[in-house]
Amino acid sequence: MELKTKVLTTDILIIGGGAAGCFSALKASENESIKVLVTEKANIKRSGCLAAGVNALNAYIVDGETPQSFLDYVKEEFYGVIREDLVYTIAERLNSVTKKVEEYGLPILKDDKGNYQSRGKRSIKINGENIKPLLAEQLAKRKNIEVLNGVNITDYIVKDNKVIGAYGFSIKENIFYVIYSKATICATGGAAGIYKPNNAGFSRHKMWYSPFNTGAGYAMGIRAGAEMTTFEMRFIALRCKDTIAPTGTIAQGIRTPQINGSGETYVRKYGNPTTINRLHSTLMENMQGLGPCYLKTQGISEEQEMDLLKAYLNMAPSQTLKWVENNTSPSTENVEIDGTEPYIVGGHTASGYWVDRNRKSTLEGLYAAGDVTGGSPKKYVTGCFVEGEIASEDALEYIKKQQLETLADSEINSKLEELNKFFSNEEVSMFIEDLEEEMQTIMDEYAGGISKYYRYNKESLIIAKTKIKELFEKVNKLKANDLHELLFIYEIIDRLQVSEVLIEHLLTREETRWRCYEENIDFPERDDDNWFKYVNSVYKDGAIEIILRDIVGKDENYEHKNS
């Protein structure tokens, strides 16, 4: 089995057809004279984090709130280590992108006065089970957008520190794609599956974040030498136990408290009820033998119960099915809650590409948008829409002065050989699934996974670093019997690349303030003198170089001047 080369050209290449990718394409296509190509590993109708739908837009400026209050909220949640300029420019557009997606057909719930129904200070209710098909339909209407489904992008094409396109392969046909572009926008999402998941064995992919988001965009940037930021700010979701359904649907939807096994509310014992503290406090109660912990739903009204059943059918049907199958309901029993395994995701935390205000990366010709972009936590769906728009607006200006550049056939053939070797490798004792499980076990045990209560120290991280490096050597000996297995191999390669950078960032941040997210037991105390820095990194000559950057304020016009 061998792949054959196919060369494509476009003006703007968008890698990833999720929330950010779709909005990037729609904005770019407003210039009808240019060609836009969207590549998607799956199918944009049901891909990315929104594949199954969503029941709320959790980043919206409701009445009484402002972009500044949104920035203040995000800044407080993460103790000041955010890119204020990025968060603010997102907040300014949250409502306008919401209006656009409503015009595309998204049902947004309204009150008797015709105003959006809020679910909190920054959240509104929607019926979003078909949000991805609605976006896909809009892309199909634009004559200058081409969507290439079923294509896994593996690496950027880099020439003189400039991204001039990307390599990839079809997961349906024996095709190796060489795609040249004047500008490239990465919108591939974050990284799941690098830690041992909550559910083992057959159900291992029942997780909080999309299991198909494997850190490809991060890994491609790392390999190409792009600067990355804040990987040590991992994300760990507080979820309904077993089903991994969202707790916010209950906590915000019906304003119910968290209680321990004795029925006591406990979150404020550990500080303010921030997202981080709701998780940390639950972990502490369980460790002290005061669990299990629950969301108190017993005794809710019939109307509230029906709202919950419907809401979960929209985005996490397993929770509603659990109630039905057990012949119970949220009004008759409380919902047990627990933490997930850690993820690297820039939509909830600040992990990702180091970008300027226009979402340009440190590599010329490359932009980042959505979960793959660092510095701007809590952007959620609408924030990803915004970043897609911002990236495309600048890319449209950038390509006016650009010509397509190409590579010599010898370089293309070398990359093709790299992929084809996995088909010709001899059978080995370690299979793809075995290597994946070994990687997840290493990260879980030595880099702060569930089994270690998300905690780690310098010694354990050094062990993780050594063991992950050893796995890279094993990857090259894996064998692919078909395109699907080739995809799995590249997903492991990408996860290992992300794991390496994550470990270096965890080693660098010598303080614990984002409880659970970044829980270094060697350094349990606050260190304000060294805290207010961004931990950035660049992969260079086979090694990860750490760079500490100063905090960027809201009004600073940061343009990679100190790169």
Protein backbone atom coordinates (compact mmCIF):
# COMPACT_ATOMS: atom_id res chain seq x y z
CA MET A 1 0.00 0.00 0.00
CA GLU A 2 1.37 3.42 -0.99
CA LEU A 3 0.13 7.00 -1.13
CA LYS A 4 0.26 8.98 -4.38
CA THR A 5 0.90 12.72 -4.47
CA LYS A 6 -1.77 15.27 -5.34
CA VAL A 7 -0.96 19.00 -5.40
CA LEU A 8 -3.59 21.66 -4.63
CA THR A 9 -3.37 25.45 -4.47
CA THR A 10 -5.50 28.04 -2.71
CA ASP A 11 -5.32 31.60 -1.42
CA ILE A 12 -6.26 30.83 2.20
CA LEU A 13 -5.96 27.35 3.68
CA ILE A 14 -8.00 26.68 6.83
CA ILE A 15 -7.04 23.56 8.74
CA GLY A 16 -9.96 22.26 10.80
CA GLY A 17 -13.67 22.66 10.12
CA GLY A 18 -14.93 23.23 13.64
CA ALA A 19 -16.41 26.41 15.11
CA ALA A 20 -13.38 28.63 14.46
CA GLY A 21 -12.61 27.08 11.08
CA CYS A 22 -16.12 27.58 9.76
CA PHE A 23 -16.27 31.22 10.82
CA SER A 24 -12.79 31.80 9.40
CA ALA A 25 -13.96 30.45 6.05
CA LEU A 26 -17.16 32.48 6.03
CA LYS A 27 -15.31 35.72 6.79
CA ALA A 28 -12.57 35.03 4.21
CA SER A 29 -15.12 34.16 1.52
CA GLU A 30 -16.61 37.66 1.71
CA ASN A 31 -13.87 38.56 -0.77
CA GLU A 32 -15.33 36.66 -3.71
CA SER A 33 -12.15 36.97 -5.77
CA ILE A 34 -10.13 34.63 -3.55
CA LYS A 35 -10.18 30.86 -3.07
CA VAL A 36 -10.71 29.37 0.39
CA LEU A 37 -9.93 25.72 1.12
CA VAL A 38 -11.09 24.08 4.37
CA THR A 39 -9.56 20.71 5.28
CA GLU A 40 -11.34 18.55 7.85
CA LYS A 41 -10.28 15.18 9.26
CA ALA A 42 -13.92 14.11 9.61
CA ASN A 43 -16.86 15.91 7.97
CA ILE A 44 -17.71 19.50 8.84
CA LYS A 45 -21.39 18.60 9.27
CA ARG A 46 -20.58 16.76 12.50
CA SER A 47 -17.00 17.48 13.51
CA GLY A 48 -15.14 19.10 16.36
CA CYS A 49 -16.38 19.98 19.84
CA LEU A 50 -19.83 20.90 18.53
CA ALA A 51 -20.39 17.60 16.73
CA ALA A 52 -23.21 16.47 19.04
CA GLY A 53 -24.54 19.98 19.63
CA VAL A 54 -24.51 22.40 22.53
CA ASN A 55 -27.31 23.83 24.70
CA ALA A 56 -25.85 27.22 25.61
CA LEU A 57 -23.50 29.90 24.37
CA ASN A 58 -21.29 30.45 27.41
CA ALA A 59 -19.53 33.59 26.23
CA TYR A 60 -22.02 36.42 25.64
CA ILE A 61 -22.32 39.97 26.99
CA VAL A 62 -25.78 40.03 28.62
CA ASP A 63 -27.54 43.21 29.78
CA GLY A 64 -25.62 44.84 32.60
CA GLU A 65 -22.28 43.36 31.50
CA THR A 66 -19.58 44.87 29.27
CA PRO A 67 -16.46 43.70 27.44
CA GLN A 68 -14.48 45.14 30.34
CA SER A 69 -16.47 43.17 32.92
CA PHE A 70 -15.92 40.02 30.84
CA LEU A 71 -12.17 40.71 30.83
CA ASP A 72 -12.21 41.34 34.59
CA TYR A 73 -13.99 38.01 35.16
CA VAL A 74 -11.50 36.02 33.05
CA LYS A 75 -8.54 37.82 34.64
CA GLU A 76 -9.77 37.03 38.15
CA GLU A 77 -10.43 33.37 37.32
CA PHE A 78 -6.83 32.84 36.18
CA TYR A 79 -5.03 35.12 38.65
CA GLY A 80 -3.91 37.63 36.04
CA VAL A 81 -1.99 35.29 33.72
CA ILE A 82 -3.97 35.89 30.53
CA ARG A 83 -3.51 37.95 27.38
CA GLU A 84 -5.76 40.89 28.21
CA ASP A 85 -5.59 42.22 24.66
CA LEU A 86 -6.84 38.94 23.21
CA VAL A 87 -9.63 38.45 25.75
CA TYR A 88 -10.88 42.00 25.28
CA THR A 89 -10.93 41.86 21.48
CA ILE A 90 -12.96 38.66 21.76
CA ALA A 91 -15.41 40.23 24.23
CA GLU A 92 -16.03 43.17 21.89
CA ARG A 93 -17.47 40.85 19.20
CA LEU A 94 -19.24 38.11 21.17
CA ASN A 95 -22.69 39.55 20.57
CA SER A 96 -22.19 40.29 16.88
CA VAL A 97 -21.12 36.72 16.05
CA THR A 98 -24.06 35.44 18.07
CA LYS A 99 -26.38 37.54 15.93
CA LYS A 100 -24.79 36.08 12.78
CA VAL A 101 -25.22 32.47 13.85
CA GLU A 102 -28.85 33.21 14.75
CA GLU A 103 -29.32 34.54 11.22
CA TYR A 104 -27.90 31.23 9.96
CA GLY A 105 -30.82 29.50 11.68
CA LEU A 106 -29.62 28.74 15.22
CA PRO A 107 -32.62 28.78 17.62
CA ILE A 108 -31.83 31.07 20.57
CA LEU A 109 -34.39 30.95 23.38
CA LYS A 110 -36.15 34.21 24.19
CA ASP A 111 -38.28 35.53 27.04
CA ASP A 112 -41.73 37.13 26.80
CA LYS A 113 -40.15 40.44 25.75
CA GLY A 114 -38.16 38.88 22.94
CA ASN A 115 -34.82 39.12 24.72
CA TYR A 116 -32.35 36.23 24.82
CA GLN A 117 -32.84 33.98 27.85
CA SER A 118 -29.73 34.20 30.00
CA ARG A 119 -28.32 31.22 31.90
CA GLY A 120 -25.94 33.35 33.91
CA LYS A 121 -23.91 36.55 33.68
CA ARG A 122 -22.23 35.48 30.45
CA SER A 123 -24.39 32.71 29.03
CA ILE A 124 -27.57 32.37 26.97
CA LYS A 125 -29.76 29.35 26.21
CA ILE A 126 -30.00 27.82 22.73
CA ASN A 127 -31.31 24.75 20.99
CA GLY A 128 -27.99 23.87 19.44
CA GLU A 129 -28.16 20.22 18.47
CA ASN A 130 -27.82 21.20 14.78
CA ILE A 131 -25.28 23.99 15.12
CA LYS A 132 -22.66 22.21 12.98
CA PRO A 133 -25.04 21.27 10.12
CA LEU A 134 -26.17 24.92 10.09
CA LEU A 135 -22.58 26.14 9.74
CA ALA A 136 -21.79 23.52 7.10
CA GLU A 137 -24.81 24.65 5.11
CA GLN A 138 -23.51 28.23 5.10
CA LEU A 139 -20.12 27.13 3.77
CA ALA A 140 -21.82 25.14 1.01
CA LYS A 141 -23.58 28.32 -0.16
CA ARG A 142 -20.31 30.19 -0.76
CA LYS A 143 -19.01 29.53 -4.29
CA ASN A 144 -15.40 30.35 -3.41
CA ILE A 145 -15.17 27.91 -0.47
CA GLU A 146 -14.04 24.35 -1.11
CA VAL A 147 -14.30 21.81 1.71
CA LEU A 148 -12.01 18.80 1.69
CA ASN A 149 -13.49 16.30 4.17
CA GLY A 150 -11.68 13.17 5.31
CA VAL A 151 -8.17 14.66 5.10
CA ASN A 152 -5.70 14.56 7.99
CA ILE A 153 -3.13 17.37 7.87
CA THR A 154 0.21 16.25 9.31
CA ASP A 155 2.61 19.18 8.96
CA TYR A 156 3.04 22.70 7.65
CA ILE A 157 5.11 23.32 4.56
CA VAL A 158 7.77 25.73 5.81
CA LYS A 159 10.20 27.65 3.64
CA ASP A 160 12.60 30.21 5.14
CA ASN A 161 10.61 30.34 8.40
CA LYS A 162 7.44 31.03 6.42
CA VAL A 163 4.42 28.71 6.21
CA ILE A 164 3.46 28.27 2.55
CA GLY A 165 0.91 25.47 2.95
CA ALA A 166 0.52 22.03 4.50
CA TYR A 167 0.95 18.31 3.95
CA GLY A 168 -1.78 15.77 4.60
CA PHE A 169 -3.33 12.48 3.55
CA SER A 170 -6.82 11.24 2.80
CA ILE A 171 -8.32 8.74 5.22
CA LYS A 172 -10.48 7.37 2.39
CA GLU A 173 -8.20 7.26 -0.66
CA ASN A 174 -4.48 6.58 -1.16
CA ILE A 175 -3.69 10.27 -1.65
CA PHE A 176 -0.86 12.35 -0.19
CA TYR A 177 -1.88 16.01 -0.37
CA VAL A 178 0.55 18.88 -0.93
CA ILE A 179 -1.45 22.06 -0.45
CA TYR A 180 0.15 25.43 -1.24
CA SER A 181 -1.45 28.61 0.12
CA LYS A 182 -0.70 32.30 0.51
CA ALA A 183 -1.91 32.21 4.12
CA THR A 184 -2.77 29.37 6.49
CA ILE A 185 -5.16 29.46 9.45
CA CYS A 186 -4.92 26.66 12.01
CA ALA A 187 -8.23 25.88 13.73
CA THR A 188 -7.76 22.25 14.71
CA GLY A 189 -8.81 22.42 18.36
CA GLY A 190 -7.07 21.23 21.52
CA ALA A 191 -5.69 17.90 22.73
CA ALA A 192 -7.60 15.02 24.30
CA GLY A 193 -6.36 11.52 25.03
CA ILE A 194 -2.89 12.33 26.35
CA TYR A 195 -3.86 11.26 29.88
CA LYS A 196 -5.54 8.05 31.02
CA PRO A 197 -9.28 8.77 30.70
CA ASN A 198 -12.03 8.46 33.33
CA ASN A 199 -13.49 5.43 31.64
CA ALA A 200 -11.19 2.55 30.76
CA GLY A 201 -11.35 -0.13 28.07
CA PHE A 202 -14.20 -0.09 25.58
CA SER A 203 -15.60 3.20 26.94
CA ARG A 204 -12.27 5.07 27.00
CA HIS A 205 -13.43 7.60 24.42
CA LYS A 206 -16.39 8.66 26.57
CA MET A 207 -14.69 11.85 27.69
CA TRP A 208 -15.34 15.55 28.19
CA TYR A 209 -13.50 16.86 25.13
CA SER A 210 -13.83 15.54 21.60
CA PRO A 211 -11.65 12.38 21.46
CA PHE A 212 -10.84 13.17 17.84
CA ASN A 213 -9.10 16.43 18.78
CA THR A 214 -5.63 15.02 19.36
CA GLY A 215 -3.45 18.12 19.45
CA ALA A 216 -2.53 18.04 15.74
CA GLY A 217 -2.46 21.82 15.37
CA TYR A 218 -0.30 22.28 18.44
CA ALA A 219 2.09 19.52 17.33
CA MET A 220 2.44 20.90 13.79
CA GLY A 221 3.28 24.31 15.21
CA ILE A 222 5.75 22.86 17.69
CA ARG A 223 7.58 20.90 14.99
CA ALA A 224 7.69 23.96 12.73
CA GLY A 225 9.20 26.15 15.47
CA ALA A 226 6.17 28.30 16.35
CA GLU A 227 6.14 29.80 19.83
CA MET A 228 3.64 28.19 22.22
CA THR A 229 2.26 29.49 25.51
CA THR A 230 0.85 28.39 28.88
CA PHE A 231 0.59 24.63 28.37
CA GLU A 232 0.96 24.27 32.15
CA MET A 233 -2.56 25.71 32.51
CA ARG A 234 -4.26 22.38 31.84
CA PHE A 235 -8.04 22.06 31.83
CA ILE A 236 -9.88 19.53 33.99
CA ALA A 237 -13.65 19.55 33.76
CA LEU A 238 -16.01 18.95 36.67
CA ARG A 239 -18.61 16.61 35.21
CA CYS A 240 -21.48 14.27 36.01
CA LYS A 241 -19.82 11.03 37.04
CA ASP A 242 -19.72 8.16 34.49
CA THR A 243 -21.63 9.98 31.73
CA ILE A 244 -19.13 12.91 31.67
CA ALA A 245 -22.10 15.21 30.98
CA PRO A 246 -21.69 18.94 31.75
CA THR A 247 -22.44 20.12 35.28
CA GLY A 248 -23.06 23.73 34.22
CA THR A 249 -26.37 22.68 32.68
CA ILE A 250 -27.54 21.95 36.23
CA ALA A 251 -25.48 24.40 38.28
CA GLN A 252 -26.31 27.41 36.09
CA GLY A 253 -29.56 26.20 34.59
CA ILE A 254 -31.37 25.70 37.89
CA ARG A 255 -28.89 27.34 40.31
CA THR A 256 -28.28 24.21 42.36
CA PRO A 257 -25.42 23.93 44.91
CA GLN A 258 -22.64 21.38 45.24
CA ILE A 259 -22.98 19.21 48.36
CA ASN A 260 -20.86 16.50 49.95
CA GLY A 261 -21.92 13.07 51.18
CA SER A 262 -23.43 14.60 54.33
CA GLY A 263 -25.49 17.09 52.34
CA GLU A 264 -23.31 20.07 53.27
CA THR A 265 -22.40 22.79 50.80
CA TYR A 266 -18.63 22.97 50.62
CA VAL A 267 -17.23 25.09 47.80
CA ARG A 268 -16.81 28.32 49.81
CA LYS A 269 -14.75 26.49 52.45
CA TYR A 270 -11.96 26.62 49.85
CA GLY A 271 -12.50 30.12 48.44
CA ASN A 272 -14.70 31.83 45.86
CA PRO A 273 -16.82 29.59 43.59
CA THR A 274 -14.65 29.93 40.49
CA THR A 275 -14.50 27.22 37.84
CA ILE A 276 -11.16 26.04 39.21
CA ASN A 277 -12.35 26.07 42.82
CA ARG A 278 -15.50 24.06 42.14
CA LEU A 279 -13.22 21.28 40.93
CA HIS A 280 -10.54 21.71 43.61
CA SER A 281 -13.06 21.77 46.45
CA THR A 282 -14.71 18.58 45.17
CA LEU A 283 -11.36 16.83 45.00
CA MET A 284 -10.50 17.95 48.55
CA GLU A 285 -13.83 16.74 49.97
CA ASN A 286 -13.34 13.34 48.37
CA MET A 287 -9.74 13.09 49.62
CA GLN A 288 -10.89 13.88 53.16
CA GLY A 289 -13.50 11.14 53.06
CA LEU A 290 -16.41 13.59 52.91
CA GLY A 291 -17.66 12.48 49.48
CA PRO A 292 -19.11 11.43 47.19
CA CYS A 293 -20.01 14.92 46.06
CA TYR A 294 -23.17 15.87 44.23
CA LEU A 295 -25.18 18.60 42.55
CA LYS A 296 -28.28 18.89 44.71
CA THR A 297 -31.21 18.22 42.39
CA GLN A 298 -33.54 16.32 44.72
CA GLY A 299 -36.80 18.20 45.08
CA ILE A 300 -36.54 20.37 41.97
CA SER A 301 -39.81 21.24 40.25
CA GLU A 302 -41.38 19.22 37.45
CA GLU A 303 -40.68 22.08 35.03
CA GLN A 304 -37.00 22.24 36.02
CA GLU A 305 -36.70 18.49 35.65
CA MET A 306 -38.17 18.55 32.15
CA ASP A 307 -35.80 21.39 31.19
CA LEU A 308 -32.83 19.29 32.34
CA LEU A 309 -33.96 16.19 30.45
CA LYS A 310 -34.37 18.20 27.25
CA ALA A 311 -31.12 20.12 27.71
CA TYR A 312 -29.06 16.95 28.09
CA LEU A 313 -30.74 15.35 25.08
CA ASN A 314 -29.40 18.32 23.08
CA MET A 315 -25.75 17.81 23.97
CA ALA A 316 -25.14 14.86 26.33
CA PRO A 317 -27.95 12.32 25.83
CA SER A 318 -26.13 9.71 27.93
CA GLN A 319 -27.15 11.60 31.09
CA THR A 320 -30.86 11.59 30.22
CA LEU A 321 -30.62 7.95 29.13
CA LYS A 322 -29.00 7.07 32.47
CA TRP A 323 -31.98 8.48 34.34
CA VAL A 324 -34.43 6.68 32.07
CA GLU A 325 -32.59 3.34 32.18
CA ASN A 326 -32.30 3.46 35.98
CA ASN A 327 -35.98 4.41 36.31
CA THR A 328 -35.03 7.51 38.27
CA SER A 329 -34.85 11.28 37.68
CA PRO A 330 -32.95 14.39 38.78
CA SER A 331 -35.79 15.32 41.14
CA THR A 332 -35.55 12.01 43.02
CA GLU A 333 -31.75 11.65 43.31
CA ASN A 334 -28.82 14.03 43.38
CA VAL A 335 -26.27 13.92 40.54
CA GLU A 336 -22.80 12.67 41.52
CA ILE A 337 -19.92 14.76 40.19
CA ASP A 338 -16.20 14.20 39.67
CA GLY A 339 -13.23 15.55 37.69
CA THR A 340 -12.09 14.36 34.28
CA GLU A 341 -8.57 13.67 33.08
CA PRO A 342 -6.53 16.77 32.10
CA TYR A 343 -6.77 18.29 28.61
CA ILE A 344 -4.84 20.97 26.74
CA VAL A 345 -7.40 23.33 25.27
CA GLY A 346 -7.15 27.06 24.59
CA GLY A 347 -10.90 27.68 24.58
CA HIS A 348 -11.23 27.03 28.31
CA THR A 349 -7.68 27.81 29.45
CA ALA A 350 -4.77 29.71 27.87
CA SER A 351 -2.79 26.90 26.21
CA GLY A 352 -1.84 27.24 22.57
CA TYR A 353 -0.12 29.32 19.93
CA TRP A 354 1.48 32.58 21.00
CA VAL A 355 -0.25 35.10 18.74
CA ASP A 356 -0.55 38.83 18.30
CA ARG A 357 -3.78 40.79 18.37
CA ASN A 358 -4.55 39.73 14.78
CA ARG A 359 -4.03 36.06 15.73
CA LYS A 360 -0.79 35.83 13.75
CA SER A 361 1.61 33.21 15.06
CA THR A 362 5.37 33.75 15.26
CA LEU A 363 5.75 32.00 11.88
CA GLU A 364 5.06 34.22 8.88
CA GLY A 365 1.94 33.24 6.95
CA LEU A 366 0.43 31.24 9.83
CA TYR A 367 -2.57 32.27 11.94
CA ALA A 368 -4.36 30.43 14.76
CA ALA A 369 -7.99 30.60 15.86
CA GLY A 370 -10.20 28.92 18.45
CA ASP A 371 -9.14 26.22 20.91
CA VAL A 372 -5.67 26.04 19.36
CA THR A 373 -4.92 29.69 20.23
CA GLY A 374 -3.28 30.51 23.54
CA GLY A 375 -3.69 33.41 25.93
CA SER A 376 -7.47 33.83 25.90
CA PRO A 377 -9.37 31.46 28.22
CA LYS A 378 -13.11 31.06 28.47
CA LYS A 379 -13.81 32.00 24.87
CA TYR A 380 -15.98 28.93 24.32
CA VAL A 381 -17.99 28.62 21.09
CA THR A 382 -18.64 32.30 20.36
CA GLY A 383 -15.08 33.29 21.22
CA CYS A 384 -13.84 30.75 18.69
CA PHE A 385 -16.17 32.32 16.12
CA VAL A 386 -14.65 35.72 16.89
CA GLU A 387 -11.06 34.52 16.57
CA GLY A 388 -11.90 32.90 13.24
CA GLU A 389 -13.16 36.24 11.97
CA ILE A 390 -10.17 38.20 13.29
CA ALA A 391 -7.65 35.80 11.76
CA SER A 392 -9.34 35.89 8.36
CA GLU A 393 -9.60 39.67 8.32
CA ASP A 394 -5.85 40.02 8.71
CA ALA A 395 -5.12 37.12 6.37
CA LEU A 396 -7.11 38.86 3.63
CA GLU A 397 -4.83 41.88 3.96
CA TYR A 398 -1.70 39.75 4.19
CA ILE A 399 -2.28 37.79 0.97
CA LYS A 400 -2.60 40.95 -1.12
CA LYS A 401 1.20 41.12 -1.18
CA GLN A 402 1.87 37.38 -1.40
CA GLN A 403 2.53 34.98 -4.24
CA LEU A 404 2.21 31.21 -4.04
CA GLU A 405 5.52 29.55 -3.24
CA THR A 406 6.40 25.92 -3.89
CA LEU A 407 8.99 23.29 -2.95
CA ALA A 408 11.31 21.13 -5.00
CA ASP A 409 10.04 17.62 -5.84
CA SER A 410 12.84 16.11 -3.77
CA GLU A 411 11.50 17.70 -0.58
CA ILE A 412 7.96 16.52 -1.33
CA ASN A 413 9.14 12.99 -2.04
CA SER A 414 11.05 12.93 1.24
CA LYS A 415 7.86 13.77 3.13
CA LEU A 416 5.93 11.15 1.17
CA GLU A 417 8.49 8.50 2.10
CA GLU A 418 8.00 9.40 5.75
CA LEU A 419 4.32 8.47 5.52
CA ASN A 420 4.75 5.43 3.29
CA LYS A 421 7.32 3.85 5.61
CA PHE A 422 4.56 3.00 8.09
CA PHE A 423 2.96 0.74 5.47
CA SER A 424 6.25 -1.06 4.82
CA ASN A 425 7.42 -1.49 8.43
CA GLU A 426 7.70 -5.09 9.53
CA GLU A 427 5.25 -6.42 12.10
CA VAL A 428 6.34 -5.52 15.62
CA SER A 429 5.30 -6.63 19.08
CA MET A 430 3.80 -3.28 20.09
CA PHE A 431 0.51 -2.30 18.46
CA ILE A 432 -0.87 1.20 18.05
CA GLU A 433 -3.38 0.79 20.87
CA ASP A 434 -0.72 -0.56 23.24
CA LEU A 435 1.48 2.47 22.67
CA GLU A 436 -1.43 4.84 23.22
CA GLU A 437 -2.26 3.19 26.56
CA GLU A 438 1.40 3.30 27.63
CA MET A 439 1.54 7.03 26.86
CA GLN A 440 -1.64 7.69 28.84
CA THR A 441 -0.38 5.65 31.80
CA ILE A 442 2.92 7.55 31.89
CA MET A 443 1.16 10.91 31.83
CA ASP A 444 -1.37 9.80 34.44
CA GLU A 445 1.18 8.43 36.92
CA TYR A 446 4.04 10.88 36.50
CA ALA A 447 2.54 14.11 35.12
CA GLY A 448 -0.45 14.69 37.37
CA GLY A 449 -3.33 12.55 36.15
CA ILE A 450 -6.48 11.34 37.90
CA SER A 451 -4.76 8.56 39.85
CA LYS A 452 -2.42 11.14 41.45
CA TYR A 453 -5.20 13.66 42.20
CA TYR A 454 -3.73 15.86 39.42
CA ARG A 455 -0.55 16.41 41.48
CA TYR A 456 3.08 16.06 40.44
CA ASN A 457 6.58 17.11 41.47
CA LYS A 458 9.90 17.67 39.76
CA GLU A 459 11.07 14.09 40.17
CA SER A 460 7.90 12.58 38.68
CA LEU A 461 7.95 15.00 35.76
CA ILE A 462 11.55 14.09 34.91
CA ILE A 463 10.51 10.43 34.86
CA ALA A 464 7.59 11.32 32.55
CA LYS A 465 9.93 13.26 30.29
CA THR A 466 12.30 10.29 29.95
CA LYS A 467 9.56 7.75 29.33
CA ILE A 468 7.73 9.88 26.74
CA LYS A 469 11.01 10.32 24.86
CA GLU A 470 11.43 6.54 24.79
CA LEU A 471 7.97 6.16 23.25
CA PHE A 472 8.98 8.35 20.30
CA GLU A 473 11.51 5.69 19.34
CA LYS A 474 8.79 3.04 19.40
CA VAL A 475 6.46 5.08 17.18
CA ASN A 476 8.80 4.83 14.21
CA LYS A 477 8.47 1.04 14.31
CA LEU A 478 4.67 0.96 14.20
CA LYS A 479 2.97 -0.56 11.20
CA ALA A 480 -0.15 0.72 9.43
CA ASN A 481 -2.24 -1.82 7.55
CA ASP A 482 -4.64 0.78 6.19
CA LEU A 483 -5.31 4.52 6.12
CA HIS A 484 -7.25 4.43 9.38
CA GLU A 485 -4.26 2.96 11.20
CA LEU A 486 -1.97 5.53 9.59
CA LEU A 487 -4.26 8.19 11.06
CA PHE A 488 -3.98 6.60 14.51
CA ILE A 489 -0.17 6.61 14.27
CA TYR A 490 -0.07 10.32 13.46
CA GLU A 491 -2.51 11.04 16.28
CA ILE A 492 -0.12 9.33 18.71
CA ILE A 493 2.84 11.26 17.28
CA ASP A 494 0.95 14.53 17.83
CA ARG A 495 -0.08 13.62 21.39
CA LEU A 496 3.49 12.69 22.29
CA GLN A 497 4.72 16.02 20.90
CA VAL A 498 2.17 17.89 23.02
CA SER A 499 3.07 15.80 26.08
CA GLU A 500 6.75 16.75 25.75
CA VAL A 501 5.99 20.46 25.70
CA LEU A 502 3.44 20.15 28.51
CA ILE A 503 5.98 18.46 30.79
CA GLU A 504 8.54 21.24 30.17
CA HIS A 505 5.95 23.88 31.02
CA LEU A 506 4.90 22.05 34.20
CA LEU A 507 8.57 21.87 35.24
CA THR A 508 9.03 25.61 34.65
CA ARG A 509 6.06 27.00 36.61
CA GLU A 510 7.38 26.66 40.19
CA GLU A 511 4.23 27.60 42.05
CA THR A 512 0.73 26.28 42.60
CA ARG A 513 -2.18 28.67 42.08
CA TRP A 514 -4.44 27.09 39.48
CA ARG A 515 -5.42 24.21 41.78
CA CYS A 516 -5.65 20.84 40.00
CA TYR A 517 -4.87 22.47 36.66
CA GLU A 518 -1.28 23.09 37.82
CA GLU A 519 -0.67 21.40 41.18
CA ASN A 520 3.09 21.26 41.88
CA ILE A 521 3.54 19.74 45.35
CA ASP A 522 7.20 20.87 45.45
CA PHE A 523 5.98 24.48 45.38
CA PRO A 524 2.67 24.79 47.28
CA GLU A 525 3.05 28.47 48.22
CA ARG A 526 2.33 31.65 46.26
CA ASP A 527 5.27 33.43 44.64
CA ASP A 528 4.03 36.76 43.31
CA ASP A 529 7.53 37.83 42.21
CA ASN A 530 7.72 35.03 39.66
CA TRP A 531 4.05 34.29 38.99
CA PHE A 532 3.18 37.13 36.61
CA LYS A 533 4.91 35.74 33.55
CA TYR A 534 3.82 33.72 30.54
CA VAL A 535 5.63 30.40 30.23
CA ASN A 536 6.33 30.10 26.49
CA SER A 537 8.41 27.63 24.49
CA VAL A 538 9.94 27.03 21.09
CA TYR A 539 11.03 23.64 19.74
CA LYS A 540 14.45 24.12 18.20
CA ASP A 541 17.10 21.61 17.05
CA GLY A 542 15.32 18.75 18.80
CA ALA A 543 15.06 20.54 22.16
CA ILE A 544 12.40 22.65 23.87
CA GLU A 545 13.58 26.16 24.73
CA ILE A 546 11.59 27.93 27.47
CA ILE A 547 10.92 31.68 27.10
CA LEU A 548 9.38 33.80 29.88
CA ARG A 549 7.30 36.72 28.59
CA ASP A 550 5.94 39.78 30.40
CA ILE A 551 2.20 40.20 30.94
CA VAL A 552 0.42 42.00 28.08
CA GLY A 553 -2.24 44.56 29.06
CA LYS A 554 -5.55 45.27 27.37
CA ASP A 555 -4.40 48.40 25.57
CA GLU A 556 -0.97 47.19 24.52
CA ASN A 557 -0.51 46.76 20.79
CA TYR A 558 1.49 43.55 21.00
CA GLU A 559 2.95 42.58 17.62
CA HIS A 560 5.65 39.97 18.35
CA LYS A 561 8.13 42.79 18.96
CA ASN A 562 9.96 40.72 21.57
CA SER A 563 10.03 37.46 19.63
